[in-house]
Amino acid sequence: MAGSGLPRIGDSSFTRHGQNGKNTLITGFYGYQLTLASVAAHVWFSHDIDAKVSTYIMHNCAPDIKELIVTLSQNPDAQTIHRPCIIDTIAAEHAIYGHRKEIPLVRKRLLAFEHMAIASHTLSNAEMALAFEELHDLAQVFHIIRERLVDIHERLQFLLEIHTKLSPFYQDFYQDVYSVADSLKCLLSSTNI
């Protein structure tokens, strides 16, 4: 990711076809960050369409995401956790929430400059230099947040594509298979910049 000091991890998926030419396995990989300061998390997934089984490996998964996934899987009516891309949706929602919490904090720092006496020339050269440095830092932070939201937006589009590939194979198996797509679309609209 340009500007943030972190490389952008691309989203990728691979589809394996059976002897009949139909999709039998979809695997993929992507990464995300929950906050500006958090370590990148990585997700590898494999959806076996014939067996209706999904496997996830999550590296650096946040404890609250892990706890929610475990709680959903231990529910006596564990249908919720088995819907296509639900785990990805949970991770994406947490990433959006994490970045949204940071915006007001950065905004508050920016608003402090509205009350500075820059225009009245009462600041010393050293104070002015510090103010410009702080404004530059704030601009960089806003730029990085924007980049992260764009990354999340692109990831949500990627997940919608995966969900679109999987849904036809699961619609007879789960009643509300399309509610995940609705959630992904809602999250996608919240990242429009």
N, C-alpha and C. Protein backbone atom coordinates (compact mmCIF):
# COMPACT_ATOMS: atom_id res chain seq x y z
N MET A 1 0.86 -1.16 0.00
CA MET A 1 0.00 0.00 0.00
C MET A 1 0.90 1.22 0.00
N ALA A 2 0.77 2.03 -1.01
CA ALA A 2 1.60 3.22 -1.12
C ALA A 2 1.29 4.19 0.00
N GLY A 3 2.34 4.79 0.54
CA GLY A 3 2.15 5.82 1.55
C GLY A 3 2.05 5.30 2.96
N SER A 4 1.66 4.08 3.15
CA SER A 4 1.46 3.58 4.50
C SER A 4 2.66 2.80 5.01
N GLY A 5 3.64 2.56 4.14
CA GLY A 5 4.80 1.79 4.55
C GLY A 5 4.57 0.29 4.50
N LEU A 6 3.38 -0.13 4.12
CA LEU A 6 3.07 -1.55 4.04
C LEU A 6 2.78 -1.94 2.60
N PRO A 7 3.28 -3.09 2.18
CA PRO A 7 2.94 -3.53 0.83
C PRO A 7 1.47 -3.94 0.76
N ARG A 8 0.86 -3.69 -0.37
CA ARG A 8 -0.53 -4.08 -0.55
C ARG A 8 -0.56 -5.56 -0.88
N ILE A 9 -1.40 -6.26 -0.17
CA ILE A 9 -1.55 -7.70 -0.40
C ILE A 9 -2.71 -7.88 -1.36
N GLY A 10 -2.46 -8.42 -2.51
CA GLY A 10 -3.52 -8.59 -3.49
C GLY A 10 -4.49 -9.68 -3.08
N ASP A 11 -5.68 -9.58 -3.60
CA ASP A 11 -6.72 -10.58 -3.38
C ASP A 11 -6.63 -11.57 -4.54
N SER A 12 -6.64 -12.85 -4.24
CA SER A 12 -6.56 -13.81 -5.32
C SER A 12 -7.44 -15.02 -5.02
N SER A 13 -7.97 -15.60 -6.08
CA SER A 13 -8.74 -16.83 -5.93
C SER A 13 -8.48 -17.73 -7.13
N PHE A 14 -8.64 -19.00 -6.89
CA PHE A 14 -8.41 -20.00 -7.92
C PHE A 14 -9.57 -20.98 -7.89
N THR A 15 -10.08 -21.30 -9.06
CA THR A 15 -11.22 -22.22 -9.16
C THR A 15 -10.75 -23.51 -9.82
N ARG A 16 -11.04 -24.62 -9.17
CA ARG A 16 -10.73 -25.92 -9.74
C ARG A 16 -12.03 -26.50 -10.29
N HIS A 17 -11.93 -27.06 -11.46
CA HIS A 17 -13.10 -27.64 -12.12
C HIS A 17 -12.99 -29.16 -12.10
N GLY A 18 -14.13 -29.81 -11.93
CA GLY A 18 -14.18 -31.27 -11.94
C GLY A 18 -14.15 -31.81 -13.36
N GLN A 19 -14.24 -33.13 -13.48
CA GLN A 19 -14.23 -33.76 -14.79
C GLN A 19 -15.44 -33.37 -15.62
N ASN A 20 -16.52 -32.99 -14.94
CA ASN A 20 -17.72 -32.57 -15.65
C ASN A 20 -17.65 -31.10 -16.07
N GLY A 21 -16.55 -30.42 -15.75
CA GLY A 21 -16.38 -29.02 -16.13
C GLY A 21 -16.97 -28.02 -15.14
N LYS A 22 -17.62 -28.52 -14.11
CA LYS A 22 -18.23 -27.62 -13.12
C LYS A 22 -17.23 -27.30 -12.01
N ASN A 23 -17.46 -26.15 -11.37
CA ASN A 23 -16.61 -25.75 -10.24
C ASN A 23 -16.71 -26.78 -9.13
N THR A 24 -15.55 -27.18 -8.59
CA THR A 24 -15.55 -28.11 -7.46
C THR A 24 -14.84 -27.54 -6.24
N LEU A 25 -13.93 -26.58 -6.46
CA LEU A 25 -13.15 -26.04 -5.36
C LEU A 25 -12.76 -24.60 -5.68
N ILE A 26 -12.97 -23.71 -4.72
CA ILE A 26 -12.53 -22.32 -4.86
C ILE A 26 -11.62 -22.03 -3.67
N THR A 27 -10.39 -21.67 -3.97
CA THR A 27 -9.46 -21.29 -2.91
C THR A 27 -9.03 -19.84 -3.13
N GLY A 28 -8.60 -19.20 -2.07
CA GLY A 28 -8.18 -17.82 -2.21
C GLY A 28 -7.39 -17.33 -1.03
N PHE A 29 -6.91 -16.10 -1.18
CA PHE A 29 -6.05 -15.49 -0.18
C PHE A 29 -6.24 -13.98 -0.22
N TYR A 30 -6.24 -13.36 0.95
CA TYR A 30 -6.26 -11.90 1.04
C TYR A 30 -5.74 -11.46 2.39
N GLY A 31 -5.49 -10.19 2.54
CA GLY A 31 -5.02 -9.64 3.80
C GLY A 31 -5.81 -8.40 4.16
N TYR A 32 -5.75 -8.02 5.43
CA TYR A 32 -6.44 -6.82 5.89
C TYR A 32 -5.80 -6.33 7.17
N GLN A 33 -6.10 -5.09 7.54
CA GLN A 33 -5.67 -4.53 8.81
C GLN A 33 -6.86 -3.91 9.50
N LEU A 34 -6.93 -4.08 10.81
CA LEU A 34 -8.07 -3.57 11.58
C LEU A 34 -7.91 -2.10 11.95
N THR A 35 -6.69 -1.64 12.11
CA THR A 35 -6.43 -0.24 12.46
C THR A 35 -5.13 0.18 11.78
N LEU A 36 -4.82 1.46 11.89
CA LEU A 36 -3.58 1.95 11.30
C LEU A 36 -2.35 1.31 11.94
N ALA A 37 -2.43 1.04 13.22
CA ALA A 37 -1.27 0.52 13.95
C ALA A 37 -1.24 -1.00 14.05
N SER A 38 -2.28 -1.67 13.63
CA SER A 38 -2.33 -3.13 13.81
C SER A 38 -1.47 -3.86 12.79
N VAL A 39 -1.07 -5.05 13.17
CA VAL A 39 -0.32 -5.93 12.29
C VAL A 39 -1.27 -6.48 11.24
N ALA A 40 -0.78 -6.66 10.04
CA ALA A 40 -1.63 -7.20 8.97
C ALA A 40 -2.07 -8.62 9.30
N ALA A 41 -3.31 -8.91 9.00
CA ALA A 41 -3.86 -10.26 9.14
C ALA A 41 -3.99 -10.85 7.74
N HIS A 42 -3.85 -12.15 7.64
CA HIS A 42 -3.95 -12.82 6.34
C HIS A 42 -4.96 -13.95 6.44
N VAL A 43 -5.71 -14.12 5.39
CA VAL A 43 -6.74 -15.16 5.35
C VAL A 43 -6.54 -16.01 4.11
N TRP A 44 -6.48 -17.32 4.30
CA TRP A 44 -6.50 -18.28 3.21
C TRP A 44 -7.78 -19.08 3.39
N PHE A 45 -8.50 -19.28 2.29
CA PHE A 45 -9.74 -20.05 2.38
C PHE A 45 -9.81 -21.08 1.26
N SER A 46 -10.59 -22.11 1.53
CA SER A 46 -10.84 -23.14 0.53
C SER A 46 -12.29 -23.59 0.69
N HIS A 47 -13.06 -23.45 -0.37
CA HIS A 47 -14.47 -23.85 -0.36
C HIS A 47 -14.61 -25.08 -1.26
N ASP A 48 -14.87 -26.23 -0.64
CA ASP A 48 -15.11 -27.46 -1.38
C ASP A 48 -16.60 -27.50 -1.70
N ILE A 49 -16.93 -27.26 -2.93
CA ILE A 49 -18.33 -27.10 -3.33
C ILE A 49 -19.09 -28.41 -3.22
N ASP A 50 -18.48 -29.51 -3.63
CA ASP A 50 -19.17 -30.81 -3.58
C ASP A 50 -19.47 -31.23 -2.15
N ALA A 51 -18.50 -31.06 -1.25
CA ALA A 51 -18.68 -31.48 0.14
C ALA A 51 -19.39 -30.43 0.99
N LYS A 52 -19.57 -29.23 0.44
CA LYS A 52 -20.18 -28.10 1.19
C LYS A 52 -19.38 -27.83 2.47
N VAL A 53 -18.05 -27.82 2.32
CA VAL A 53 -17.16 -27.59 3.45
C VAL A 53 -16.22 -26.44 3.10
N SER A 54 -16.04 -25.55 4.06
CA SER A 54 -15.09 -24.45 3.90
C SER A 54 -14.02 -24.55 4.96
N THR A 55 -12.79 -24.27 4.56
CA THR A 55 -11.66 -24.29 5.47
C THR A 55 -11.00 -22.92 5.44
N TYR A 56 -10.69 -22.41 6.62
CA TYR A 56 -10.03 -21.10 6.73
C TYR A 56 -8.77 -21.24 7.56
N ILE A 57 -7.73 -20.55 7.14
CA ILE A 57 -6.55 -20.35 7.96
C ILE A 57 -6.38 -18.84 8.06
N MET A 58 -6.40 -18.35 9.31
CA MET A 58 -6.30 -16.91 9.55
C MET A 58 -5.05 -16.66 10.39
N HIS A 59 -4.16 -15.88 9.84
CA HIS A 59 -2.92 -15.52 10.53
C HIS A 59 -3.06 -14.11 11.10
N ASN A 60 -2.72 -13.94 12.36
CA ASN A 60 -2.88 -12.66 13.08
C ASN A 60 -4.34 -12.24 13.19
N CYS A 61 -5.21 -13.19 13.34
CA CYS A 61 -6.64 -12.90 13.50
C CYS A 61 -6.85 -12.20 14.84
N ALA A 62 -7.61 -11.12 14.83
CA ALA A 62 -7.90 -10.38 16.07
C ALA A 62 -8.71 -11.26 17.02
N PRO A 63 -8.45 -11.17 18.32
CA PRO A 63 -9.16 -12.00 19.29
C PRO A 63 -10.68 -11.85 19.24
N ASP A 64 -11.19 -10.63 19.00
CA ASP A 64 -12.64 -10.47 18.97
C ASP A 64 -13.26 -11.14 17.75
N ILE A 65 -12.54 -11.16 16.63
CA ILE A 65 -13.03 -11.87 15.44
C ILE A 65 -13.04 -13.37 15.72
N LYS A 66 -11.95 -13.85 16.28
CA LYS A 66 -11.84 -15.28 16.60
C LYS A 66 -12.95 -15.70 17.56
N GLU A 67 -13.19 -14.88 18.58
CA GLU A 67 -14.22 -15.19 19.57
C GLU A 67 -15.61 -15.25 18.92
N LEU A 68 -15.90 -14.32 18.03
CA LEU A 68 -17.20 -14.32 17.35
C LEU A 68 -17.36 -15.56 16.47
N ILE A 69 -16.32 -15.92 15.75
CA ILE A 69 -16.39 -17.11 14.90
C ILE A 69 -16.61 -18.37 15.75
N VAL A 70 -15.88 -18.49 16.84
CA VAL A 70 -16.05 -19.65 17.73
C VAL A 70 -17.45 -19.67 18.32
N THR A 71 -17.94 -18.53 18.77
CA THR A 71 -19.29 -18.45 19.34
C THR A 71 -20.34 -18.87 18.32
N LEU A 72 -20.22 -18.38 17.09
CA LEU A 72 -21.19 -18.76 16.04
C LEU A 72 -21.11 -20.25 15.73
N SER A 73 -19.90 -20.80 15.75
CA SER A 73 -19.76 -22.23 15.42
C SER A 73 -20.26 -23.14 16.53
N GLN A 74 -20.31 -22.64 17.76
CA GLN A 74 -20.78 -23.44 18.89
C GLN A 74 -22.28 -23.29 19.13
N ASN A 75 -22.92 -22.44 18.36
CA ASN A 75 -24.36 -22.25 18.47
C ASN A 75 -25.05 -23.55 18.08
N PRO A 76 -26.07 -23.99 18.87
CA PRO A 76 -26.77 -25.23 18.52
C PRO A 76 -27.34 -25.20 17.09
N ASP A 77 -27.76 -24.04 16.65
CA ASP A 77 -28.23 -23.87 15.28
C ASP A 77 -27.09 -23.22 14.50
N ALA A 78 -26.05 -23.99 14.23
CA ALA A 78 -24.81 -23.44 13.65
C ALA A 78 -24.92 -23.13 12.17
N GLN A 79 -26.12 -23.01 11.64
CA GLN A 79 -26.30 -22.68 10.22
C GLN A 79 -25.63 -21.36 9.86
N THR A 80 -25.65 -20.41 10.77
CA THR A 80 -25.13 -19.08 10.49
C THR A 80 -23.68 -19.12 10.03
N ILE A 81 -22.85 -19.86 10.71
CA ILE A 81 -21.42 -19.88 10.41
C ILE A 81 -21.11 -20.61 9.10
N HIS A 82 -22.04 -21.42 8.62
CA HIS A 82 -21.80 -22.22 7.42
C HIS A 82 -22.21 -21.52 6.12
N ARG A 83 -22.76 -20.34 6.22
CA ARG A 83 -23.13 -19.63 5.00
C ARG A 83 -21.87 -19.19 4.26
N PRO A 84 -21.88 -19.23 2.94
CA PRO A 84 -20.69 -18.86 2.17
C PRO A 84 -20.22 -17.44 2.49
N CYS A 85 -18.95 -17.30 2.78
CA CYS A 85 -18.25 -16.02 3.00
C CYS A 85 -18.64 -15.29 4.29
N ILE A 86 -19.29 -15.95 5.23
CA ILE A 86 -19.68 -15.27 6.46
C ILE A 86 -18.45 -14.88 7.29
N ILE A 87 -17.45 -15.74 7.32
CA ILE A 87 -16.24 -15.43 8.08
C ILE A 87 -15.53 -14.22 7.47
N ASP A 88 -15.48 -14.17 6.15
CA ASP A 88 -14.87 -13.03 5.47
C ASP A 88 -15.64 -11.74 5.77
N THR A 89 -16.95 -11.85 5.82
CA THR A 89 -17.80 -10.69 6.10
C THR A 89 -17.55 -10.18 7.52
N ILE A 90 -17.39 -11.09 8.46
CA ILE A 90 -17.10 -10.69 9.85
C ILE A 90 -15.78 -9.93 9.91
N ALA A 91 -14.75 -10.46 9.25
CA ALA A 91 -13.43 -9.80 9.25
C ALA A 91 -13.51 -8.42 8.58
N ALA A 92 -14.23 -8.33 7.47
CA ALA A 92 -14.36 -7.04 6.76
C ALA A 92 -15.09 -6.01 7.61
N GLU A 93 -16.15 -6.45 8.28
CA GLU A 93 -16.91 -5.52 9.12
C GLU A 93 -16.03 -4.98 10.25
N HIS A 94 -15.24 -5.83 10.85
CA HIS A 94 -14.35 -5.38 11.93
C HIS A 94 -13.28 -4.42 11.40
N ALA A 95 -12.77 -4.66 10.20
CA ALA A 95 -11.77 -3.76 9.61
C ALA A 95 -12.38 -2.38 9.36
N ILE A 96 -13.58 -2.34 8.82
CA ILE A 96 -14.25 -1.06 8.58
C ILE A 96 -14.49 -0.34 9.90
N TYR A 97 -14.98 -1.06 10.89
CA TYR A 97 -15.26 -0.46 12.19
C TYR A 97 -13.97 0.11 12.82
N GLY A 98 -12.87 -0.64 12.71
CA GLY A 98 -11.60 -0.18 13.28
C GLY A 98 -11.13 1.12 12.67
N HIS A 99 -11.23 1.22 11.35
CA HIS A 99 -10.79 2.45 10.68
C HIS A 99 -11.76 3.60 10.93
N ARG A 100 -13.02 3.30 11.03
CA ARG A 100 -14.00 4.36 11.33
C ARG A 100 -13.79 4.95 12.71
N LYS A 101 -13.34 4.14 13.66
CA LYS A 101 -13.06 4.65 15.00
C LYS A 101 -11.88 5.62 14.99
N GLU A 102 -10.96 5.44 14.05
CA GLU A 102 -9.78 6.29 14.00
C GLU A 102 -10.05 7.66 13.37
N ILE A 103 -11.01 7.73 12.47
CA ILE A 103 -11.27 8.98 11.76
C ILE A 103 -11.62 10.12 12.72
N PRO A 104 -12.53 9.95 13.69
CA PRO A 104 -12.84 11.08 14.59
C PRO A 104 -11.63 11.53 15.42
N LEU A 105 -10.75 10.60 15.76
CA LEU A 105 -9.56 10.97 16.53
C LEU A 105 -8.64 11.87 15.71
N VAL A 106 -8.45 11.51 14.45
CA VAL A 106 -7.61 12.32 13.57
C VAL A 106 -8.31 13.64 13.27
N ARG A 107 -9.61 13.59 13.07
CA ARG A 107 -10.39 14.81 12.80
C ARG A 107 -10.28 15.79 13.96
N LYS A 108 -10.31 15.27 15.18
CA LYS A 108 -10.21 16.12 16.37
C LYS A 108 -8.87 16.86 16.38
N ARG A 109 -7.80 16.16 16.01
CA ARG A 109 -6.48 16.81 15.92
C ARG A 109 -6.48 17.89 14.85
N LEU A 110 -7.17 17.63 13.75
CA LEU A 110 -7.24 18.61 12.67
C LEU A 110 -8.03 19.85 13.09
N LEU A 111 -9.13 19.64 13.79
CA LEU A 111 -9.97 20.76 14.21
C LEU A 111 -9.25 21.70 15.17
N ALA A 112 -8.27 21.19 15.88
CA ALA A 112 -7.50 22.04 16.79
C ALA A 112 -6.80 23.18 16.04
N PHE A 113 -6.54 22.98 14.76
CA PHE A 113 -5.87 24.02 13.97
C PHE A 113 -6.81 25.18 13.62
N GLU A 114 -8.11 24.97 13.69
CA GLU A 114 -9.05 26.05 13.40
C GLU A 114 -8.93 27.18 14.41
N HIS A 115 -8.50 26.85 15.60
CA HIS A 115 -8.43 27.85 16.66
C HIS A 115 -7.03 28.42 16.85
N MET A 116 -6.12 28.03 15.99
CA MET A 116 -4.76 28.56 16.09
C MET A 116 -4.70 29.95 15.49
N ALA A 117 -3.76 30.71 15.94
CA ALA A 117 -3.62 32.10 15.49
C ALA A 117 -2.65 32.21 14.32
N ILE A 118 -2.74 31.30 13.38
CA ILE A 118 -1.82 31.30 12.24
C ILE A 118 -2.00 32.58 11.42
N ALA A 119 -3.23 32.93 11.10
CA ALA A 119 -3.49 34.09 10.25
C ALA A 119 -3.14 35.41 10.93
N SER A 120 -3.17 35.45 12.24
CA SER A 120 -2.89 36.71 12.95
C SER A 120 -1.39 36.92 13.18
N HIS A 121 -0.57 36.01 12.70
CA HIS A 121 0.89 36.12 12.78
C HIS A 121 1.39 36.21 14.22
N THR A 122 0.68 35.62 15.15
CA THR A 122 1.14 35.64 16.54
C THR A 122 1.97 34.42 16.90
N LEU A 123 2.08 33.48 15.98
CA LEU A 123 2.91 32.30 16.23
C LEU A 123 4.36 32.59 15.87
N SER A 124 5.26 32.05 16.64
CA SER A 124 6.69 32.18 16.30
C SER A 124 7.00 31.28 15.11
N ASN A 125 8.16 31.48 14.54
CA ASN A 125 8.57 30.64 13.40
C ASN A 125 8.64 29.17 13.81
N ALA A 126 9.12 28.91 15.02
CA ALA A 126 9.21 27.53 15.50
C ALA A 126 7.82 26.92 15.66
N GLU A 127 6.88 27.71 16.22
CA GLU A 127 5.51 27.23 16.39
C GLU A 127 4.85 26.99 15.04
N MET A 128 5.12 27.89 14.10
CA MET A 128 4.56 27.75 12.75
C MET A 128 5.11 26.48 12.08
N ALA A 129 6.41 26.24 12.24
CA ALA A 129 7.03 25.05 11.66
C ALA A 129 6.42 23.78 12.26
N LEU A 130 6.21 23.78 13.57
CA LEU A 130 5.58 22.63 14.23
C LEU A 130 4.15 22.43 13.73
N ALA A 131 3.43 23.52 13.55
CA ALA A 131 2.05 23.43 13.06
C ALA A 131 2.01 22.83 11.66
N PHE A 132 2.91 23.29 10.79
CA PHE A 132 2.94 22.74 9.43
C PHE A 132 3.34 21.27 9.43
N GLU A 133 4.26 20.92 10.31
CA GLU A 133 4.67 19.52 10.40
C GLU A 133 3.51 18.65 10.87
N GLU A 134 2.77 19.13 11.86
CA GLU A 134 1.60 18.38 12.36
C GLU A 134 0.53 18.25 11.27
N LEU A 135 0.29 19.35 10.54
CA LEU A 135 -0.69 19.30 9.44
C LEU A 135 -0.25 18.30 8.37
N HIS A 136 1.03 18.28 8.08
CA HIS A 136 1.55 17.33 7.09
C HIS A 136 1.34 15.90 7.58
N ASP A 137 1.63 15.66 8.86
CA ASP A 137 1.42 14.32 9.44
C ASP A 137 -0.06 13.93 9.37
N LEU A 138 -0.94 14.87 9.69
CA LEU A 138 -2.38 14.59 9.64
C LEU A 138 -2.83 14.27 8.22
N ALA A 139 -2.31 15.01 7.26
CA ALA A 139 -2.66 14.75 5.85
C ALA A 139 -2.22 13.35 5.46
N GLN A 140 -1.05 12.93 5.91
CA GLN A 140 -0.58 11.58 5.62
C GLN A 140 -1.49 10.53 6.24
N VAL A 141 -1.91 10.76 7.48
CA VAL A 141 -2.79 9.80 8.15
C VAL A 141 -4.12 9.69 7.42
N PHE A 142 -4.70 10.83 7.03
CA PHE A 142 -5.96 10.78 6.27
C PHE A 142 -5.76 10.05 4.94
N HIS A 143 -4.64 10.27 4.31
CA HIS A 143 -4.34 9.60 3.04
C HIS A 143 -4.26 8.08 3.25
N ILE A 144 -3.61 7.66 4.32
CA ILE A 144 -3.48 6.23 4.60
C ILE A 144 -4.84 5.62 4.93
N ILE A 145 -5.65 6.33 5.72
CA ILE A 145 -7.00 5.82 6.02
C ILE A 145 -7.79 5.67 4.73
N ARG A 146 -7.69 6.65 3.84
CA ARG A 146 -8.39 6.56 2.55
C ARG A 146 -7.91 5.33 1.77
N GLU A 147 -6.59 5.12 1.73
CA GLU A 147 -6.05 3.96 1.02
C GLU A 147 -6.58 2.66 1.61
N ARG A 148 -6.63 2.60 2.93
CA ARG A 148 -7.13 1.39 3.59
C ARG A 148 -8.60 1.15 3.25
N LEU A 149 -9.39 2.23 3.24
CA LEU A 149 -10.81 2.08 2.90
C LEU A 149 -10.98 1.65 1.44
N VAL A 150 -10.13 2.17 0.56
CA VAL A 150 -10.17 1.73 -0.84
C VAL A 150 -9.81 0.24 -0.92
N ASP A 151 -8.79 -0.17 -0.16
CA ASP A 151 -8.42 -1.60 -0.13
C ASP A 151 -9.59 -2.45 0.37
N ILE A 152 -10.23 -1.99 1.43
CA ILE A 152 -11.38 -2.74 1.98
C ILE A 152 -12.49 -2.79 0.94
N HIS A 153 -12.73 -1.69 0.26
CA HIS A 153 -13.76 -1.63 -0.78
C HIS A 153 -13.46 -2.67 -1.87
N GLU A 154 -12.21 -2.70 -2.33
CA GLU A 154 -11.82 -3.67 -3.35
C GLU A 154 -11.96 -5.11 -2.83
N ARG A 155 -11.61 -5.32 -1.57
CA ARG A 155 -11.73 -6.65 -0.98
C ARG A 155 -13.19 -7.09 -0.91
N LEU A 156 -14.07 -6.16 -0.56
CA LEU A 156 -15.50 -6.49 -0.51
C LEU A 156 -16.01 -6.86 -1.89
N GLN A 157 -15.55 -6.17 -2.92
CA GLN A 157 -15.94 -6.55 -4.29
C GLN A 157 -15.44 -7.95 -4.61
N PHE A 158 -14.21 -8.25 -4.21
CA PHE A 158 -13.63 -9.58 -4.39
C PHE A 158 -14.47 -10.64 -3.67
N LEU A 159 -14.85 -10.35 -2.42
CA LEU A 159 -15.65 -11.31 -1.65
C LEU A 159 -17.04 -11.49 -2.25
N LEU A 160 -17.61 -10.42 -2.80
CA LEU A 160 -18.90 -10.56 -3.49
C LEU A 160 -18.78 -11.47 -4.70
N GLU A 161 -17.66 -11.37 -5.42
CA GLU A 161 -17.44 -12.26 -6.56
C GLU A 161 -17.35 -13.72 -6.11
N ILE A 162 -16.62 -13.96 -5.02
CA ILE A 162 -16.51 -15.32 -4.48
C ILE A 162 -17.89 -15.81 -4.05
N HIS A 163 -18.63 -14.95 -3.35
CA HIS A 163 -19.97 -15.32 -2.89
C HIS A 163 -20.88 -15.64 -4.08
N THR A 164 -20.77 -14.87 -5.14
CA THR A 164 -21.58 -15.11 -6.34
C THR A 164 -21.26 -16.47 -6.95
N LYS A 165 -19.99 -16.85 -6.92
CA LYS A 165 -19.60 -18.17 -7.44
C LYS A 165 -20.14 -19.30 -6.56
N LEU A 166 -20.16 -19.08 -5.24
CA LEU A 166 -20.54 -20.13 -4.30
C LEU A 166 -22.05 -20.28 -4.11
N SER A 167 -22.77 -19.18 -4.11
CA SER A 167 -24.19 -19.18 -3.73
C SER A 167 -25.06 -20.19 -4.46
N PRO A 168 -24.94 -20.33 -5.77
CA PRO A 168 -25.81 -21.30 -6.44
C PRO A 168 -25.66 -22.73 -5.91
N PHE A 169 -24.49 -23.07 -5.41
CA PHE A 169 -24.24 -24.42 -4.92
C PHE A 169 -24.76 -24.62 -3.50
N TYR A 170 -25.05 -23.53 -2.81
CA TYR A 170 -25.48 -23.61 -1.41
C TYR A 170 -26.95 -23.25 -1.21
N GLN A 171 -27.62 -22.75 -2.24
CA GLN A 171 -28.98 -22.24 -2.04
C GLN A 171 -29.97 -23.30 -1.58
N ASP A 172 -29.78 -24.55 -1.94
CA ASP A 172 -30.67 -25.60 -1.47
C ASP A 172 -30.27 -26.10 -0.08
N PHE A 173 -29.05 -25.80 0.31
CA PHE A 173 -28.50 -26.27 1.57
C PHE A 173 -28.81 -25.33 2.74
N TYR A 174 -28.81 -24.02 2.46
CA TYR A 174 -29.08 -23.00 3.49
C TYR A 174 -30.16 -22.06 3.00
N GLN A 175 -31.13 -21.77 3.86
CA GLN A 175 -32.26 -20.93 3.45
C GLN A 175 -31.85 -19.50 3.15
N ASP A 176 -31.03 -18.91 4.00
CA ASP A 176 -30.72 -17.49 3.83
C ASP A 176 -29.32 -17.28 3.27
N VAL A 177 -28.97 -18.05 2.24
CA VAL A 177 -27.64 -17.99 1.66
C VAL A 177 -27.31 -16.60 1.11
N TYR A 178 -28.31 -15.85 0.68
CA TYR A 178 -28.05 -14.55 0.06
C TYR A 178 -27.96 -13.41 1.06
N SER A 179 -28.25 -13.64 2.33
CA SER A 179 -28.16 -12.56 3.31
C SER A 179 -26.71 -12.11 3.49
N VAL A 180 -25.75 -12.98 3.27
CA VAL A 180 -24.34 -12.59 3.35
C VAL A 180 -24.03 -11.59 2.24
N ALA A 181 -24.55 -11.84 1.04
CA ALA A 181 -24.34 -10.89 -0.06
C ALA A 181 -24.94 -9.54 0.29
N ASP A 182 -26.10 -9.54 0.92
CA ASP A 182 -26.71 -8.28 1.34
C ASP A 182 -25.82 -7.55 2.33
N SER A 183 -25.24 -8.29 3.26
CA SER A 183 -24.32 -7.69 4.24
C SER A 183 -23.08 -7.14 3.55
N LEU A 184 -22.52 -7.90 2.62
CA LEU A 184 -21.35 -7.43 1.88
C LEU A 184 -21.66 -6.17 1.09
N LYS A 185 -22.84 -6.13 0.47
CA LYS A 185 -23.24 -4.93 -0.29
C LYS A 185 -23.40 -3.73 0.63
N CYS A 186 -23.95 -3.94 1.81
CA CYS A 186 -24.11 -2.86 2.78
C CYS A 186 -22.73 -2.34 3.21
N LEU A 187 -21.82 -3.25 3.51
CA LEU A 187 -20.46 -2.85 3.88
C LEU A 187 -19.77 -2.14 2.73
N LEU A 188 -19.99 -2.64 1.53
CA LEU A 188 -19.40 -2.03 0.34
C LEU A 188 -19.85 -0.59 0.18
N SER A 189 -21.14 -0.35 0.39
CA SER A 189 -21.66 1.02 0.25
C SER A 189 -21.09 1.94 1.33
N SER A 190 -20.73 1.38 2.48
CA SER A 190 -20.17 2.21 3.55
C SER A 190 -18.72 2.59 3.30
N THR A 191 -18.09 1.98 2.30
CA THR A 191 -16.70 2.32 1.99
C THR A 191 -16.57 3.17 0.74
N ASN A 192 -17.68 3.57 0.15
CA ASN A 192 -17.60 4.45 -1.02
C ASN A 192 -16.97 5.78 -0.63
N ILE A 193 -15.96 6.17 -1.37
CA ILE A 193 -15.27 7.43 -1.06
C ILE A 193 -15.52 8.42 -2.18
